[in-house]
């Protein structure tokens, strides 16, 4: 039993989607301007991803496809399929966490690289600078 617990911890750690340092800094900056994720901007539904991962790896395949899909989730889904039903233990929370992380990455991408997102961010920066200047 102890071996399975350690294997579970290891799989959860290696299979999670992470924000890199630059993305974390960009996300912090966006939050400082009051920008938060809205339901329209989310590309992955955390509840759906977690619920689908009750089935062997289906939640990971969901996270791998779509607009913000991360192809590494095809591998995670296959591993969850091979280790099912034990994979439910780590697969469900991992899919929920990864869906939230994918949404954060997409938020950063939108405001950093998308033309309309860059325009909105510049307008927010200008209005904040003007409000500081007027005080």
Protein backbone atom coordinates (compact mmCIF):
# COMPACT_ATOMS: atom_id res chain seq x y z
CA UNK A 1 0.00 0.00 0.00
CA UNK A 2 2.86 2.35 0.83
CA UNK A 3 4.33 1.76 -2.64
CA UNK A 4 1.06 2.78 -4.29
CA UNK A 5 0.87 5.93 -2.20
CA UNK A 6 4.42 6.93 -3.19
CA UNK A 7 3.69 6.10 -6.83
CA UNK A 8 0.57 8.27 -6.65
CA UNK A 9 2.52 11.22 -5.22
CA UNK A 10 5.18 10.83 -7.89
CA UNK A 11 2.66 10.67 -10.73
CA UNK A 12 0.78 13.71 -9.47
CA UNK A 13 4.01 15.73 -9.33
CA UNK A 14 5.36 14.78 -12.75
CA UNK A 15 2.08 14.97 -14.61
CA UNK A 16 0.87 18.40 -13.59
CA UNK A 17 0.86 21.34 -15.96
CA UNK A 18 2.89 24.20 -14.51
CA UNK A 19 3.29 27.91 -15.10
CA UNK A 20 6.87 28.92 -15.79
CA UNK A 21 8.44 31.84 -13.94
CA UNK A 22 7.66 34.34 -16.69
CA UNK A 23 4.01 33.25 -16.83
CA UNK A 24 3.72 33.57 -13.03
CA UNK A 25 5.10 37.12 -13.19
CA UNK A 26 2.81 38.04 -16.08
CA UNK A 27 -0.20 36.61 -14.22
CA UNK A 28 0.72 38.60 -11.11
CA UNK A 29 0.94 41.77 -13.21
CA UNK A 30 -2.45 41.10 -14.80
CA UNK A 31 -4.02 40.57 -11.38
CA UNK A 32 -2.53 43.87 -10.21
CA UNK A 33 -4.58 45.57 -12.94
CA UNK A 34 -7.70 43.77 -11.77
CA UNK A 35 -7.74 41.25 -14.60
CA UNK A 36 -9.22 37.93 -13.58
CA UNK A 37 -10.37 34.89 -15.53
CA UNK A 38 -13.94 35.07 -16.69
CA UNK A 39 -16.04 32.16 -17.85
CA UNK A 40 -15.86 33.38 -21.45
CA UNK A 41 -12.05 33.22 -21.48
CA UNK A 42 -11.74 29.74 -19.99
CA UNK A 43 -10.69 27.11 -22.50
CA UNK A 44 -10.83 24.18 -20.09
CA UNK A 45 -13.60 23.42 -17.61
CA UNK A 46 -12.03 22.12 -14.35
CA UNK A 47 -15.18 20.30 -13.21
CA UNK A 48 -15.61 18.60 -16.56
CA UNK A 49 -11.93 17.59 -16.71
CA UNK A 50 -12.07 16.12 -13.21
CA UNK A 51 -15.36 14.36 -13.83
CA UNK A 52 -14.14 12.88 -17.10
CA UNK A 53 -11.02 11.53 -15.41
CA UNK A 54 -13.18 9.12 -13.40
CA UNK A 55 -13.15 7.25 -16.68
CA UNK A 56 -9.63 6.08 -17.54
CA UNK A 57 -7.72 9.13 -18.81
CA UNK A 58 -10.63 10.78 -20.61
CA UNK A 59 -10.19 14.03 -18.67
CA UNK A 60 -6.57 14.21 -19.79
CA UNK A 61 -7.58 13.64 -23.41
CA UNK A 62 -10.07 16.50 -23.00
CA UNK A 63 -7.26 18.75 -21.70
CA UNK A 64 -5.01 17.75 -24.59
CA UNK A 65 -7.55 18.82 -27.19
CA UNK A 66 -9.17 22.18 -27.82
CA UNK A 67 -7.89 25.75 -28.00
CA UNK A 68 -5.55 25.64 -25.00
CA UNK A 69 -4.77 21.96 -25.24
CA UNK A 70 -1.45 20.66 -23.99
CA UNK A 71 -0.27 17.64 -25.95
CA UNK A 72 1.52 16.13 -22.93
CA UNK A 73 -1.92 15.25 -21.59
CA UNK A 74 -2.22 12.55 -24.26
CA UNK A 75 0.65 10.77 -22.47
CA UNK A 76 -0.89 11.40 -19.03
CA UNK A 77 -4.22 10.07 -20.28
CA UNK A 78 -2.58 6.93 -21.60
CA UNK A 79 -0.80 6.40 -18.28
CA UNK A 80 -4.06 6.92 -16.42
CA UNK A 81 -5.73 4.44 -18.75
CA UNK A 82 -3.06 1.82 -18.03
CA UNK A 83 -3.27 2.30 -14.27
CA UNK A 84 -7.06 2.52 -13.98
CA UNK A 85 -8.88 2.19 -11.48
CA UNK A 86 -6.04 3.39 -9.22
CA UNK A 87 -5.54 6.40 -11.47
CA UNK A 88 -8.81 7.88 -10.19
CA UNK A 89 -6.95 8.73 -6.96
CA UNK A 90 -4.56 11.13 -8.67
CA UNK A 91 -6.27 11.64 -12.03
CA UNK A 92 -9.32 13.56 -10.85
CA UNK A 93 -7.53 16.21 -8.75
CA UNK A 94 -4.72 16.45 -11.29
CA UNK A 95 -7.17 17.18 -14.12
CA UNK A 96 -8.91 19.90 -12.07
CA UNK A 97 -5.60 21.56 -11.17
CA UNK A 98 -4.29 21.30 -14.73
CA UNK A 99 -7.49 22.76 -16.21
CA UNK A 100 -7.11 25.81 -13.95
CA UNK A 101 -3.44 26.13 -14.92
CA UNK A 102 -4.27 25.88 -18.64
CA UNK A 103 -6.84 28.66 -18.16
CA UNK A 104 -4.21 30.83 -16.45
CA UNK A 105 -1.77 30.20 -19.31
CA UNK A 106 -4.41 31.20 -21.82
CA UNK A 107 -5.16 34.39 -19.88
CA UNK A 108 -1.47 35.32 -19.94
CA UNK A 109 -1.21 34.43 -23.64
CA UNK A 110 -4.24 36.57 -24.50
CA UNK A 111 -2.94 39.72 -22.84
CA UNK A 112 0.67 39.20 -23.87
CA UNK A 113 0.41 38.01 -27.49
CA UNK A 114 -3.13 38.51 -28.83
CA UNK A 115 -3.58 41.87 -30.55
CA UNK A 116 -6.88 42.74 -28.90
CA UNK A 117 -5.62 41.59 -25.50
CA UNK A 118 -2.52 43.76 -25.83
CA UNK A 119 -4.71 46.76 -26.68
CA UNK A 120 -6.93 46.16 -23.63
CA UNK A 121 -3.92 45.82 -21.34
CA UNK A 122 -2.34 49.02 -22.64
CA UNK A 123 -5.62 50.86 -22.09
CA UNK A 124 -5.75 49.57 -18.50
CA UNK A 125 -2.16 50.66 -17.90
CA UNK A 126 -2.86 54.13 -19.32
CA UNK A 127 -6.00 54.61 -17.25
CA UNK A 128 -4.20 53.50 -14.07
CA UNK A 129 -1.30 55.86 -14.77
CA UNK A 130 -3.73 58.73 -15.36
CA UNK A 131 -5.60 58.00 -12.13
CA UNK A 132 -2.28 58.00 -10.21
CA UNK A 133 -1.29 61.26 -11.87
CA UNK A 134 -4.62 62.93 -11.03
CA UNK A 135 -4.35 62.07 -7.32
